[in-house]
Amino acid sequence: MPHKRLSGWGRTAWTVADVVSAREPDAIAHALTEVGPRGAIARGLGRSYGAAAQNAGGTVIEIASESDHEGADITFSPETGIIDVASSVSLDAILRFSVPRGWFVPVTPGTRFVTVGGAIASDVHGKNHHVDGSFGQHVRSMTVLLSNGEVVELSPHQNPEWFWATVGGMGLTGIVLRAQVALLPIETSQVLVETERLGNFDAV
């Protein structure tokens, strides 16, 4: 495995780790069998401000790259509004696919260049958090690879303890392989903004 210098999106606290690129579930599972005593962590597009996807002296499994936008592994049911995607698929790729079809990601963080796996692991939130909650509230189910090589299906109703431990679990319960996420129907890709100006605080 090649050594690589990594940081988070904040470009601070650089560390060196053994980095292996693995896109398919079998390759990811194989990578887990070769980790050392420092263990392994999955890394998507590296958009976490902190050190969430770093593992100094250990193994980092890169499951996505900036060039993965074309041919993204996406299956969509317009009847249910649920999208089935590989965890390496970015929100950008989903939006490119879903917006022309009249659907939108229900929760979007400060950048659309995050993977679905990373959005689940960090349980990202958007500006609508006070109304629609965080990303995990819209995940219907997911497939997770545990450190012992076992693949489990998780949902709010199937293995709920593991499901909610994985949502916001920072990748420590296992590596998300696939996820089913409920999208939000939209009428247009345009946003109508109304601005009302007030002269002073007393007029608010």
N, C-alpha and C. Protein backbone atom coordinates (compact mmCIF):
# COMPACT_ATOMS: atom_id res chain seq x y z
N MET A 1 0.84 -1.19 0.00
CA MET A 1 0.00 0.00 0.00
C MET A 1 0.88 1.25 0.00
N PRO A 2 0.56 2.22 -0.83
CA PRO A 2 1.36 3.45 -0.86
C PRO A 2 1.06 4.34 0.35
N HIS A 3 2.10 4.99 0.85
CA HIS A 3 1.92 5.99 1.91
C HIS A 3 1.43 7.27 1.25
N LYS A 4 0.52 7.96 1.92
CA LYS A 4 -0.02 9.19 1.37
C LYS A 4 -0.26 10.19 2.49
N ARG A 5 -0.01 11.45 2.20
CA ARG A 5 -0.24 12.52 3.16
C ARG A 5 -1.65 13.04 2.97
N LEU A 6 -2.44 13.04 4.03
CA LEU A 6 -3.85 13.40 3.94
C LEU A 6 -4.21 14.49 4.95
N SER A 7 -5.23 15.24 4.60
CA SER A 7 -5.83 16.18 5.55
C SER A 7 -7.33 16.21 5.30
N GLY A 8 -8.03 16.91 6.17
CA GLY A 8 -9.44 17.16 5.93
C GLY A 8 -9.60 18.38 5.04
N TRP A 9 -10.84 18.81 4.87
CA TRP A 9 -11.13 19.94 3.99
C TRP A 9 -10.57 21.25 4.55
N GLY A 10 -10.33 21.29 5.85
CA GLY A 10 -9.76 22.48 6.47
C GLY A 10 -8.28 22.64 6.21
N ARG A 11 -7.66 21.61 5.60
CA ARG A 11 -6.23 21.62 5.25
C ARG A 11 -5.33 21.83 6.47
N THR A 12 -5.72 21.25 7.59
CA THR A 12 -4.89 21.31 8.80
C THR A 12 -4.65 19.89 9.29
N ALA A 13 -3.74 19.73 10.23
CA ALA A 13 -3.48 18.44 10.88
C ALA A 13 -3.23 17.33 9.86
N TRP A 14 -2.24 17.55 8.99
CA TRP A 14 -1.89 16.54 7.98
C TRP A 14 -1.31 15.30 8.66
N THR A 15 -1.67 14.14 8.13
CA THR A 15 -1.15 12.87 8.64
C THR A 15 -0.77 11.98 7.47
N VAL A 16 0.01 10.94 7.76
CA VAL A 16 0.43 9.98 6.74
C VAL A 16 -0.20 8.63 7.06
N ALA A 17 -0.76 7.99 6.04
CA ALA A 17 -1.41 6.70 6.21
C ALA A 17 -1.14 5.82 5.00
N ASP A 18 -1.36 4.52 5.18
CA ASP A 18 -1.35 3.60 4.04
C ASP A 18 -2.70 3.73 3.35
N VAL A 19 -2.69 4.11 2.08
CA VAL A 19 -3.93 4.38 1.36
C VAL A 19 -4.14 3.33 0.28
N VAL A 20 -5.32 2.75 0.28
CA VAL A 20 -5.70 1.79 -0.76
C VAL A 20 -7.01 2.25 -1.38
N SER A 21 -7.08 2.23 -2.69
CA SER A 21 -8.32 2.59 -3.39
C SER A 21 -9.13 1.33 -3.64
N ALA A 22 -10.38 1.35 -3.22
CA ALA A 22 -11.26 0.19 -3.40
C ALA A 22 -12.67 0.70 -3.64
N ARG A 23 -13.23 0.37 -4.78
CA ARG A 23 -14.56 0.85 -5.14
C ARG A 23 -15.64 -0.21 -4.92
N GLU A 24 -15.35 -1.45 -5.30
CA GLU A 24 -16.35 -2.51 -5.23
C GLU A 24 -16.35 -3.16 -3.84
N PRO A 25 -17.51 -3.68 -3.42
CA PRO A 25 -17.61 -4.31 -2.10
C PRO A 25 -16.56 -5.38 -1.84
N ASP A 26 -16.29 -6.23 -2.84
CA ASP A 26 -15.29 -7.29 -2.66
C ASP A 26 -13.90 -6.70 -2.41
N ALA A 27 -13.58 -5.64 -3.14
CA ALA A 27 -12.28 -5.00 -2.97
C ALA A 27 -12.17 -4.33 -1.61
N ILE A 28 -13.26 -3.72 -1.17
CA ILE A 28 -13.26 -3.09 0.16
C ILE A 28 -13.09 -4.14 1.25
N ALA A 29 -13.81 -5.27 1.11
CA ALA A 29 -13.70 -6.35 2.08
C ALA A 29 -12.29 -6.91 2.11
N HIS A 30 -11.67 -7.06 0.93
CA HIS A 30 -10.29 -7.56 0.87
C HIS A 30 -9.33 -6.60 1.55
N ALA A 31 -9.54 -5.31 1.34
CA ALA A 31 -8.67 -4.31 1.95
C ALA A 31 -8.71 -4.39 3.47
N LEU A 32 -9.87 -4.72 4.01
CA LEU A 32 -10.01 -4.82 5.47
C LEU A 32 -9.21 -5.98 6.04
N THR A 33 -8.95 -7.01 5.22
CA THR A 33 -8.21 -8.17 5.71
C THR A 33 -6.71 -7.89 5.82
N GLU A 34 -6.26 -6.78 5.25
CA GLU A 34 -4.83 -6.50 5.21
C GLU A 34 -4.41 -5.32 6.09
N VAL A 35 -5.30 -4.88 6.95
CA VAL A 35 -4.98 -3.72 7.78
C VAL A 35 -4.10 -4.13 8.96
N GLY A 36 -3.33 -3.18 9.45
CA GLY A 36 -2.45 -3.42 10.58
C GLY A 36 -3.12 -3.09 11.90
N PRO A 37 -2.33 -2.99 12.96
CA PRO A 37 -2.89 -2.76 14.30
C PRO A 37 -3.58 -1.41 14.46
N ARG A 38 -3.29 -0.46 13.58
CA ARG A 38 -3.94 0.85 13.67
C ARG A 38 -5.32 0.86 13.03
N GLY A 39 -5.72 -0.26 12.43
CA GLY A 39 -7.05 -0.36 11.87
C GLY A 39 -7.21 0.41 10.57
N ALA A 40 -8.47 0.60 10.16
CA ALA A 40 -8.76 1.27 8.89
C ALA A 40 -9.97 2.18 9.04
N ILE A 41 -10.02 3.19 8.18
CA ILE A 41 -11.18 4.07 8.11
C ILE A 41 -11.47 4.32 6.63
N ALA A 42 -12.74 4.44 6.30
CA ALA A 42 -13.12 4.73 4.91
C ALA A 42 -13.03 6.23 4.66
N ARG A 43 -12.72 6.58 3.42
CA ARG A 43 -12.63 7.99 3.02
C ARG A 43 -13.37 8.17 1.71
N GLY A 44 -14.24 9.17 1.67
CA GLY A 44 -14.96 9.47 0.44
C GLY A 44 -14.25 10.56 -0.34
N LEU A 45 -14.82 11.76 -0.37
CA LEU A 45 -14.24 12.87 -1.12
C LEU A 45 -13.48 13.85 -0.23
N GLY A 46 -13.30 13.49 1.04
CA GLY A 46 -12.45 14.27 1.92
C GLY A 46 -12.96 15.65 2.27
N ARG A 47 -14.29 15.82 2.33
CA ARG A 47 -14.84 17.14 2.58
C ARG A 47 -15.17 17.41 4.04
N SER A 48 -14.77 16.55 4.93
CA SER A 48 -14.95 16.84 6.35
C SER A 48 -13.91 17.86 6.78
N TYR A 49 -14.33 18.87 7.53
CA TYR A 49 -13.39 19.90 7.97
C TYR A 49 -12.34 19.34 8.92
N GLY A 50 -12.71 18.38 9.73
CA GLY A 50 -11.79 17.81 10.71
C GLY A 50 -11.04 16.61 10.16
N ALA A 51 -10.64 15.73 11.08
CA ALA A 51 -9.81 14.58 10.72
C ALA A 51 -10.63 13.29 10.65
N ALA A 52 -11.90 13.41 10.28
CA ALA A 52 -12.79 12.25 10.30
C ALA A 52 -12.31 11.12 9.40
N ALA A 53 -11.74 11.45 8.24
CA ALA A 53 -11.32 10.42 7.28
C ALA A 53 -9.80 10.28 7.26
N GLN A 54 -9.17 10.48 8.40
CA GLN A 54 -7.73 10.29 8.52
C GLN A 54 -7.44 9.20 9.54
N ASN A 55 -6.30 8.55 9.38
CA ASN A 55 -5.91 7.47 10.28
C ASN A 55 -4.39 7.40 10.32
N ALA A 56 -3.79 8.28 11.09
CA ALA A 56 -2.33 8.39 11.13
C ALA A 56 -1.67 7.06 11.47
N GLY A 57 -0.79 6.60 10.60
CA GLY A 57 -0.08 5.36 10.82
C GLY A 57 -0.90 4.12 10.55
N GLY A 58 -2.15 4.29 10.13
CA GLY A 58 -3.01 3.16 9.84
C GLY A 58 -3.36 3.09 8.37
N THR A 59 -4.53 2.53 8.08
CA THR A 59 -4.98 2.35 6.70
C THR A 59 -6.18 3.24 6.42
N VAL A 60 -6.18 3.88 5.27
CA VAL A 60 -7.32 4.65 4.79
C VAL A 60 -7.78 4.01 3.49
N ILE A 61 -9.05 3.62 3.44
CA ILE A 61 -9.61 3.00 2.24
C ILE A 61 -10.39 4.05 1.47
N GLU A 62 -9.86 4.46 0.34
CA GLU A 62 -10.52 5.47 -0.50
C GLU A 62 -11.58 4.77 -1.34
N ILE A 63 -12.85 5.12 -1.11
CA ILE A 63 -13.93 4.48 -1.85
C ILE A 63 -14.49 5.36 -2.96
N ALA A 64 -13.94 6.57 -3.10
CA ALA A 64 -14.45 7.49 -4.12
C ALA A 64 -13.32 8.38 -4.60
N SER A 65 -13.54 9.00 -5.76
CA SER A 65 -12.60 9.99 -6.27
C SER A 65 -13.38 11.08 -6.99
N GLU A 66 -12.72 12.18 -7.27
CA GLU A 66 -13.38 13.31 -7.92
C GLU A 66 -13.87 12.95 -9.32
N SER A 67 -13.32 11.89 -9.92
CA SER A 67 -13.69 11.53 -11.29
C SER A 67 -14.81 10.51 -11.36
N ASP A 68 -15.44 10.22 -10.22
CA ASP A 68 -16.48 9.18 -10.19
C ASP A 68 -17.86 9.68 -10.57
N HIS A 69 -17.99 10.91 -11.07
CA HIS A 69 -19.31 11.47 -11.31
C HIS A 69 -20.02 10.81 -12.49
N GLU A 70 -19.25 10.42 -13.50
CA GLU A 70 -19.86 9.80 -14.68
C GLU A 70 -20.17 8.33 -14.39
N GLY A 71 -21.33 7.89 -14.83
CA GLY A 71 -21.71 6.49 -14.67
C GLY A 71 -21.93 6.09 -13.23
N ALA A 72 -22.44 7.00 -12.42
CA ALA A 72 -22.66 6.71 -11.00
C ALA A 72 -23.65 5.56 -10.84
N ASP A 73 -23.42 4.75 -9.81
CA ASP A 73 -24.25 3.57 -9.53
C ASP A 73 -25.53 4.03 -8.83
N ILE A 74 -26.55 4.36 -9.64
CA ILE A 74 -27.79 4.92 -9.12
C ILE A 74 -28.99 4.16 -9.68
N THR A 75 -29.89 3.75 -8.79
CA THR A 75 -31.17 3.18 -9.20
C THR A 75 -32.27 3.99 -8.50
N PHE A 76 -33.31 4.34 -9.26
CA PHE A 76 -34.33 5.23 -8.71
C PHE A 76 -35.72 4.70 -9.00
N SER A 77 -36.61 4.80 -8.00
CA SER A 77 -38.01 4.43 -8.16
C SER A 77 -38.86 5.69 -8.09
N PRO A 78 -39.38 6.18 -9.21
CA PRO A 78 -40.22 7.39 -9.17
C PRO A 78 -41.53 7.17 -8.42
N GLU A 79 -41.95 5.92 -8.28
CA GLU A 79 -43.19 5.63 -7.54
C GLU A 79 -43.02 5.90 -6.05
N THR A 80 -41.85 5.57 -5.51
CA THR A 80 -41.62 5.75 -4.08
C THR A 80 -40.75 6.96 -3.76
N GLY A 81 -40.02 7.45 -4.76
CA GLY A 81 -39.10 8.56 -4.53
C GLY A 81 -37.84 8.15 -3.82
N ILE A 82 -37.57 6.84 -3.79
CA ILE A 82 -36.39 6.33 -3.10
C ILE A 82 -35.29 6.01 -4.10
N ILE A 83 -34.09 6.47 -3.80
CA ILE A 83 -32.93 6.23 -4.64
C ILE A 83 -32.02 5.22 -3.96
N ASP A 84 -31.52 4.28 -4.75
CA ASP A 84 -30.60 3.25 -4.25
C ASP A 84 -29.24 3.53 -4.86
N VAL A 85 -28.24 3.79 -4.03
CA VAL A 85 -26.93 4.21 -4.54
C VAL A 85 -25.80 3.52 -3.79
N ALA A 86 -24.66 3.40 -4.49
CA ALA A 86 -23.43 2.99 -3.82
C ALA A 86 -23.00 4.11 -2.89
N SER A 87 -22.34 3.77 -1.81
CA SER A 87 -21.94 4.78 -0.83
C SER A 87 -20.93 5.76 -1.39
N SER A 88 -20.25 5.39 -2.47
CA SER A 88 -19.23 6.26 -3.07
C SER A 88 -19.83 7.34 -3.97
N VAL A 89 -21.13 7.26 -4.24
CA VAL A 89 -21.79 8.24 -5.11
C VAL A 89 -21.90 9.58 -4.37
N SER A 90 -21.57 10.66 -5.05
CA SER A 90 -21.63 11.99 -4.43
C SER A 90 -23.03 12.58 -4.52
N LEU A 91 -23.32 13.53 -3.66
CA LEU A 91 -24.59 14.24 -3.76
C LEU A 91 -24.67 15.01 -5.07
N ASP A 92 -23.53 15.45 -5.58
CA ASP A 92 -23.50 16.11 -6.88
C ASP A 92 -24.01 15.19 -7.97
N ALA A 93 -23.55 13.95 -7.98
CA ALA A 93 -23.99 12.98 -8.99
C ALA A 93 -25.48 12.70 -8.86
N ILE A 94 -25.97 12.61 -7.61
CA ILE A 94 -27.40 12.38 -7.39
C ILE A 94 -28.20 13.56 -7.93
N LEU A 95 -27.77 14.78 -7.64
CA LEU A 95 -28.50 15.96 -8.11
C LEU A 95 -28.51 16.05 -9.63
N ARG A 96 -27.41 15.72 -10.26
CA ARG A 96 -27.36 15.73 -11.72
C ARG A 96 -28.36 14.72 -12.31
N PHE A 97 -28.55 13.63 -11.57
CA PHE A 97 -29.49 12.60 -12.01
C PHE A 97 -30.93 12.96 -11.66
N SER A 98 -31.16 13.46 -10.45
CA SER A 98 -32.53 13.58 -9.94
C SER A 98 -33.24 14.87 -10.30
N VAL A 99 -32.52 15.99 -10.35
CA VAL A 99 -33.18 17.28 -10.60
C VAL A 99 -33.92 17.31 -11.93
N PRO A 100 -33.33 16.82 -13.04
CA PRO A 100 -34.09 16.79 -14.30
C PRO A 100 -35.34 15.92 -14.23
N ARG A 101 -35.38 15.01 -13.27
CA ARG A 101 -36.54 14.12 -13.10
C ARG A 101 -37.53 14.66 -12.08
N GLY A 102 -37.25 15.83 -11.50
CA GLY A 102 -38.18 16.44 -10.56
C GLY A 102 -37.99 16.03 -9.12
N TRP A 103 -36.76 15.69 -8.74
CA TRP A 103 -36.50 15.28 -7.37
C TRP A 103 -35.23 15.94 -6.86
N PHE A 104 -35.14 16.10 -5.53
CA PHE A 104 -34.00 16.78 -4.93
C PHE A 104 -33.57 16.04 -3.67
N VAL A 105 -32.31 16.17 -3.33
CA VAL A 105 -31.81 15.60 -2.08
C VAL A 105 -32.42 16.38 -0.91
N PRO A 106 -33.05 15.71 0.05
CA PRO A 106 -33.81 16.42 1.08
C PRO A 106 -32.95 17.22 2.05
N VAL A 107 -31.70 16.83 2.21
CA VAL A 107 -30.78 17.55 3.10
C VAL A 107 -29.45 17.70 2.37
N THR A 108 -29.01 18.93 2.19
CA THR A 108 -27.73 19.18 1.52
C THR A 108 -26.84 20.02 2.42
N PRO A 109 -25.60 19.58 2.65
CA PRO A 109 -24.67 20.35 3.48
C PRO A 109 -24.06 21.51 2.69
N GLY A 110 -22.98 22.06 3.20
CA GLY A 110 -22.36 23.22 2.57
C GLY A 110 -21.73 22.94 1.22
N THR A 111 -21.50 21.69 0.88
CA THR A 111 -20.98 21.31 -0.42
C THR A 111 -21.70 20.07 -0.90
N ARG A 112 -21.94 20.00 -2.20
CA ARG A 112 -22.57 18.80 -2.76
C ARG A 112 -21.54 17.74 -3.12
N PHE A 113 -20.27 18.06 -2.93
CA PHE A 113 -19.21 17.10 -3.26
C PHE A 113 -18.84 16.26 -2.05
N VAL A 114 -19.85 15.64 -1.46
CA VAL A 114 -19.66 14.65 -0.40
C VAL A 114 -20.32 13.36 -0.85
N THR A 115 -19.81 12.24 -0.39
CA THR A 115 -20.40 10.96 -0.75
C THR A 115 -21.59 10.65 0.14
N VAL A 116 -22.43 9.74 -0.33
CA VAL A 116 -23.56 9.29 0.48
C VAL A 116 -23.06 8.63 1.76
N GLY A 117 -22.00 7.82 1.63
CA GLY A 117 -21.43 7.19 2.81
C GLY A 117 -20.94 8.20 3.83
N GLY A 118 -20.29 9.25 3.35
CA GLY A 118 -19.82 10.30 4.24
C GLY A 118 -20.95 11.09 4.85
N ALA A 119 -22.01 11.33 4.07
CA ALA A 119 -23.18 12.05 4.57
C ALA A 119 -23.85 11.27 5.70
N ILE A 120 -23.86 9.95 5.57
CA ILE A 120 -24.45 9.11 6.62
C ILE A 120 -23.53 9.08 7.84
N ALA A 121 -22.24 8.84 7.61
CA ALA A 121 -21.29 8.72 8.72
C ALA A 121 -21.23 10.00 9.55
N SER A 122 -21.33 11.15 8.88
CA SER A 122 -21.28 12.43 9.59
C SER A 122 -22.67 12.95 9.93
N ASP A 123 -23.70 12.26 9.43
CA ASP A 123 -25.09 12.70 9.59
C ASP A 123 -25.20 14.19 9.32
N VAL A 124 -24.85 14.57 8.10
CA VAL A 124 -24.76 15.99 7.75
C VAL A 124 -26.12 16.68 7.85
N HIS A 125 -26.08 17.99 7.99
CA HIS A 125 -27.31 18.78 8.07
C HIS A 125 -27.22 19.93 7.08
N GLY A 126 -28.36 20.51 6.78
CA GLY A 126 -28.42 21.67 5.90
C GLY A 126 -29.10 22.83 6.60
N LYS A 127 -29.52 23.80 5.81
CA LYS A 127 -30.18 24.98 6.38
C LYS A 127 -31.61 24.67 6.83
N ASN A 128 -32.13 23.51 6.42
CA ASN A 128 -33.49 23.13 6.80
C ASN A 128 -33.51 22.16 7.98
N HIS A 129 -32.44 22.13 8.74
CA HIS A 129 -32.30 21.15 9.82
C HIS A 129 -33.42 21.26 10.85
N HIS A 130 -33.88 22.46 11.13
CA HIS A 130 -34.91 22.66 12.15
C HIS A 130 -36.27 22.13 11.71
N VAL A 131 -36.41 21.87 10.40
CA VAL A 131 -37.68 21.38 9.87
C VAL A 131 -37.58 19.91 9.46
N ASP A 132 -36.54 19.57 8.70
CA ASP A 132 -36.43 18.24 8.10
C ASP A 132 -35.39 17.35 8.74
N GLY A 133 -34.71 17.83 9.76
CA GLY A 133 -33.72 17.01 10.42
C GLY A 133 -32.44 16.86 9.61
N SER A 134 -31.61 15.92 10.00
CA SER A 134 -30.34 15.69 9.33
C SER A 134 -30.49 14.58 8.29
N PHE A 135 -29.40 14.29 7.60
CA PHE A 135 -29.43 13.35 6.47
C PHE A 135 -29.97 11.97 6.87
N GLY A 136 -29.57 11.53 8.05
CA GLY A 136 -29.97 10.20 8.49
C GLY A 136 -31.47 10.00 8.61
N GLN A 137 -32.22 11.08 8.81
CA GLN A 137 -33.67 10.98 8.91
C GLN A 137 -34.31 10.52 7.61
N HIS A 138 -33.58 10.62 6.51
CA HIS A 138 -34.12 10.30 5.20
C HIS A 138 -33.53 9.02 4.61
N VAL A 139 -32.65 8.36 5.38
CA VAL A 139 -32.09 7.08 4.95
C VAL A 139 -33.07 5.98 5.33
N ARG A 140 -33.51 5.24 4.33
CA ARG A 140 -34.49 4.19 4.59
C ARG A 140 -33.84 2.86 4.96
N SER A 141 -32.67 2.59 4.40
CA SER A 141 -31.92 1.38 4.75
C SER A 141 -30.51 1.51 4.20
N MET A 142 -29.63 0.64 4.68
CA MET A 142 -28.26 0.64 4.17
C MET A 142 -27.62 -0.73 4.36
N THR A 143 -26.63 -0.98 3.53
CA THR A 143 -25.83 -2.20 3.61
C THR A 143 -24.47 -1.82 4.15
N VAL A 144 -24.05 -2.49 5.22
CA VAL A 144 -22.81 -2.12 5.91
C VAL A 144 -21.89 -3.33 6.03
N LEU A 145 -20.61 -3.11 5.73
CA LEU A 145 -19.57 -4.13 5.90
C LEU A 145 -18.92 -3.93 7.26
N LEU A 146 -19.02 -4.93 8.12
CA LEU A 146 -18.41 -4.85 9.44
C LEU A 146 -16.93 -5.22 9.37
N SER A 147 -16.20 -4.93 10.42
CA SER A 147 -14.76 -5.17 10.42
C SER A 147 -14.41 -6.65 10.35
N ASN A 148 -15.35 -7.53 10.75
CA ASN A 148 -15.09 -8.97 10.68
C ASN A 148 -15.45 -9.56 9.33
N GLY A 149 -15.83 -8.72 8.37
CA GLY A 149 -16.15 -9.19 7.03
C GLY A 149 -17.62 -9.48 6.81
N GLU A 150 -18.42 -9.42 7.87
CA GLU A 150 -19.86 -9.68 7.75
C GLU A 150 -20.56 -8.48 7.11
N VAL A 151 -21.49 -8.77 6.21
CA VAL A 151 -22.29 -7.73 5.57
C VAL A 151 -23.69 -7.78 6.18
N VAL A 152 -24.16 -6.64 6.68
CA VAL A 152 -25.45 -6.60 7.35
C VAL A 152 -26.35 -5.55 6.71
N GLU A 153 -27.65 -5.80 6.77
CA GLU A 153 -28.65 -4.85 6.29
C GLU A 153 -29.22 -4.11 7.49
N LEU A 154 -29.22 -2.81 7.42
CA LEU A 154 -29.67 -2.00 8.54
C LEU A 154 -30.78 -1.05 8.10
N SER A 155 -31.73 -0.83 8.97
CA SER A 155 -32.79 0.15 8.73
C SER A 155 -33.35 0.56 10.09
N PRO A 156 -34.22 1.57 10.12
CA PRO A 156 -34.84 1.93 11.40
C PRO A 156 -35.64 0.79 12.02
N HIS A 157 -35.99 -0.22 11.21
CA HIS A 157 -36.79 -1.34 11.70
C HIS A 157 -36.03 -2.65 11.73
N GLN A 158 -34.92 -2.74 11.00
CA GLN A 158 -34.09 -3.94 10.97
C GLN A 158 -32.72 -3.59 11.56
N ASN A 159 -32.40 -4.22 12.68
CA ASN A 159 -31.18 -3.87 13.41
C ASN A 159 -31.11 -2.37 13.71
N PRO A 160 -32.16 -1.82 14.32
CA PRO A 160 -32.20 -0.36 14.51
C PRO A 160 -31.07 0.19 15.36
N GLU A 161 -30.59 -0.60 16.35
CA GLU A 161 -29.50 -0.09 17.18
C GLU A 161 -28.25 0.14 16.35
N TRP A 162 -27.95 -0.80 15.45
CA TRP A 162 -26.79 -0.66 14.57
C TRP A 162 -27.02 0.44 13.54
N PHE A 163 -28.26 0.56 13.09
CA PHE A 163 -28.57 1.60 12.11
C PHE A 163 -28.27 2.98 12.69
N TRP A 164 -28.81 3.27 13.86
CA TRP A 164 -28.64 4.60 14.43
C TRP A 164 -27.24 4.82 14.99
N ALA A 165 -26.53 3.73 15.29
CA ALA A 165 -25.12 3.88 15.67
C ALA A 165 -24.26 4.21 14.46
N THR A 166 -24.70 3.75 13.29
CA THR A 166 -23.96 4.02 12.05
C THR A 166 -24.24 5.42 11.54
N VAL A 167 -25.49 5.88 11.67
CA VAL A 167 -25.84 7.25 11.30
C VAL A 167 -25.15 8.20 12.28
N GLY A 168 -24.21 8.97 11.80
CA GLY A 168 -23.43 9.84 12.67
C GLY A 168 -22.33 9.12 13.42
N GLY A 169 -22.06 7.87 13.04
CA GLY A 169 -21.06 7.06 13.74
C GLY A 169 -19.64 7.25 13.26
N MET A 170 -19.43 8.16 12.30
CA MET A 170 -18.10 8.51 11.81
C MET A 170 -17.33 7.31 11.25
N GLY A 171 -18.06 6.32 10.74
CA GLY A 171 -17.42 5.16 10.12
C GLY A 171 -16.90 4.13 11.09
N LEU A 172 -17.20 4.27 12.37
CA LEU A 172 -16.62 3.38 13.37
C LEU A 172 -17.39 2.07 13.54
N THR A 173 -18.61 1.97 13.03
CA THR A 173 -19.34 0.71 13.11
C THR A 173 -19.03 -0.20 11.93
N GLY A 174 -18.55 0.36 10.84
CA GLY A 174 -18.27 -0.39 9.62
C GLY A 174 -18.28 0.55 8.43
N ILE A 175 -18.19 -0.03 7.24
CA ILE A 175 -18.16 0.76 6.02
C ILE A 175 -19.49 0.60 5.29
N VAL A 176 -20.16 1.71 5.06
CA VAL A 176 -21.42 1.69 4.32
C VAL A 176 -21.12 1.36 2.86
N LEU A 177 -21.80 0.34 2.33
CA LEU A 177 -21.60 -0.07 0.94
C LEU A 177 -22.67 0.52 0.03
N ARG A 178 -23.91 0.47 0.47
CA ARG A 178 -25.03 1.00 -0.31
C ARG A 178 -26.03 1.64 0.65
N ALA A 179 -26.88 2.50 0.09
CA ALA A 179 -27.92 3.13 0.91
C ALA A 179 -29.13 3.44 0.06
N GLN A 180 -30.28 3.41 0.69
CA GLN A 180 -31.53 3.80 0.06
C GLN A 180 -32.01 5.07 0.76
N VAL A 181 -32.16 6.13 -0.02
CA VAL A 181 -32.47 7.45 0.54
C VAL A 181 -33.72 8.00 -0.12
N ALA A 182 -34.63 8.54 0.68
CA ALA A 182 -35.86 9.15 0.16
C ALA A 182 -35.56 10.56 -0.34
N LEU A 183 -35.93 10.83 -1.59
CA LEU A 183 -35.72 12.15 -2.17
C LEU A 183 -36.96 13.02 -1.99
N LEU A 184 -36.80 14.30 -2.29
CA LEU A 184 -37.87 15.28 -2.13
C LEU A 184 -38.39 15.71 -3.50
N PRO A 185 -39.70 15.61 -3.76
CA PRO A 185 -40.22 16.04 -5.07
C PRO A 185 -40.16 17.56 -5.20
N ILE A 186 -39.80 18.03 -6.39
CA ILE A 186 -39.74 19.47 -6.66
C ILE A 186 -40.47 19.75 -7.97
N GLU A 187 -40.96 20.97 -8.12
CA GLU A 187 -41.65 21.37 -9.35
C GLU A 187 -40.70 22.02 -10.34
N THR A 188 -39.62 22.60 -9.83
CA THR A 188 -38.67 23.29 -10.69
C THR A 188 -37.31 23.33 -10.02
N SER A 189 -36.29 23.56 -10.82
CA SER A 189 -34.95 23.70 -10.26
C SER A 189 -34.65 25.15 -9.87
N GLN A 190 -35.60 26.03 -10.11
CA GLN A 190 -35.44 27.44 -9.78
C GLN A 190 -35.94 27.72 -8.36
N VAL A 191 -35.39 28.74 -7.74
CA VAL A 191 -35.77 29.13 -6.39
C VAL A 191 -36.35 30.54 -6.42
N LEU A 192 -37.53 30.71 -5.85
CA LEU A 192 -38.16 32.02 -5.76
C LEU A 192 -37.80 32.66 -4.42
N VAL A 193 -37.20 33.82 -4.46
CA VAL A 193 -36.77 34.52 -3.25
C VAL A 193 -37.53 35.84 -3.14
N GLU A 194 -38.14 36.08 -2.00
CA GLU A 194 -38.81 37.35 -1.74
C GLU A 194 -38.02 38.10 -0.67
N THR A 195 -37.64 39.32 -0.96
CA THR A 195 -36.87 40.14 -0.03
C THR A 195 -37.71 41.31 0.45
N GLU A 196 -37.80 41.46 1.75
CA GLU A 196 -38.54 42.58 2.33
C GLU A 196 -37.59 43.42 3.18
N ARG A 197 -37.38 44.64 2.80
CA ARG A 197 -36.45 45.52 3.51
C ARG A 197 -37.19 46.35 4.56
N LEU A 198 -36.59 46.45 5.72
CA LEU A 198 -37.15 47.24 6.82
C LEU A 198 -36.16 48.33 7.21
N GLY A 199 -36.68 49.45 7.62
CA GLY A 199 -35.84 50.61 7.88
C GLY A 199 -35.01 50.52 9.13
N ASN A 200 -35.52 49.82 10.15
CA ASN A 200 -34.78 49.73 11.41
C ASN A 200 -35.27 48.54 12.22
N PHE A 201 -34.66 48.30 13.38
CA PHE A 201 -35.02 47.15 14.19
C PHE A 201 -36.44 47.25 14.73
N ASP A 202 -36.91 48.45 14.98
CA ASP A 202 -38.26 48.62 15.50
C ASP A 202 -39.31 48.16 14.50
N ALA A 203 -38.96 48.17 13.22
CA ALA A 203 -39.90 47.77 12.18
C ALA A 203 -39.94 46.26 11.96
N VAL A 204 -39.02 45.57 12.59
CA VAL A 204 -38.95 44.11 12.39
C VAL A 204 -40.17 43.44 13.01
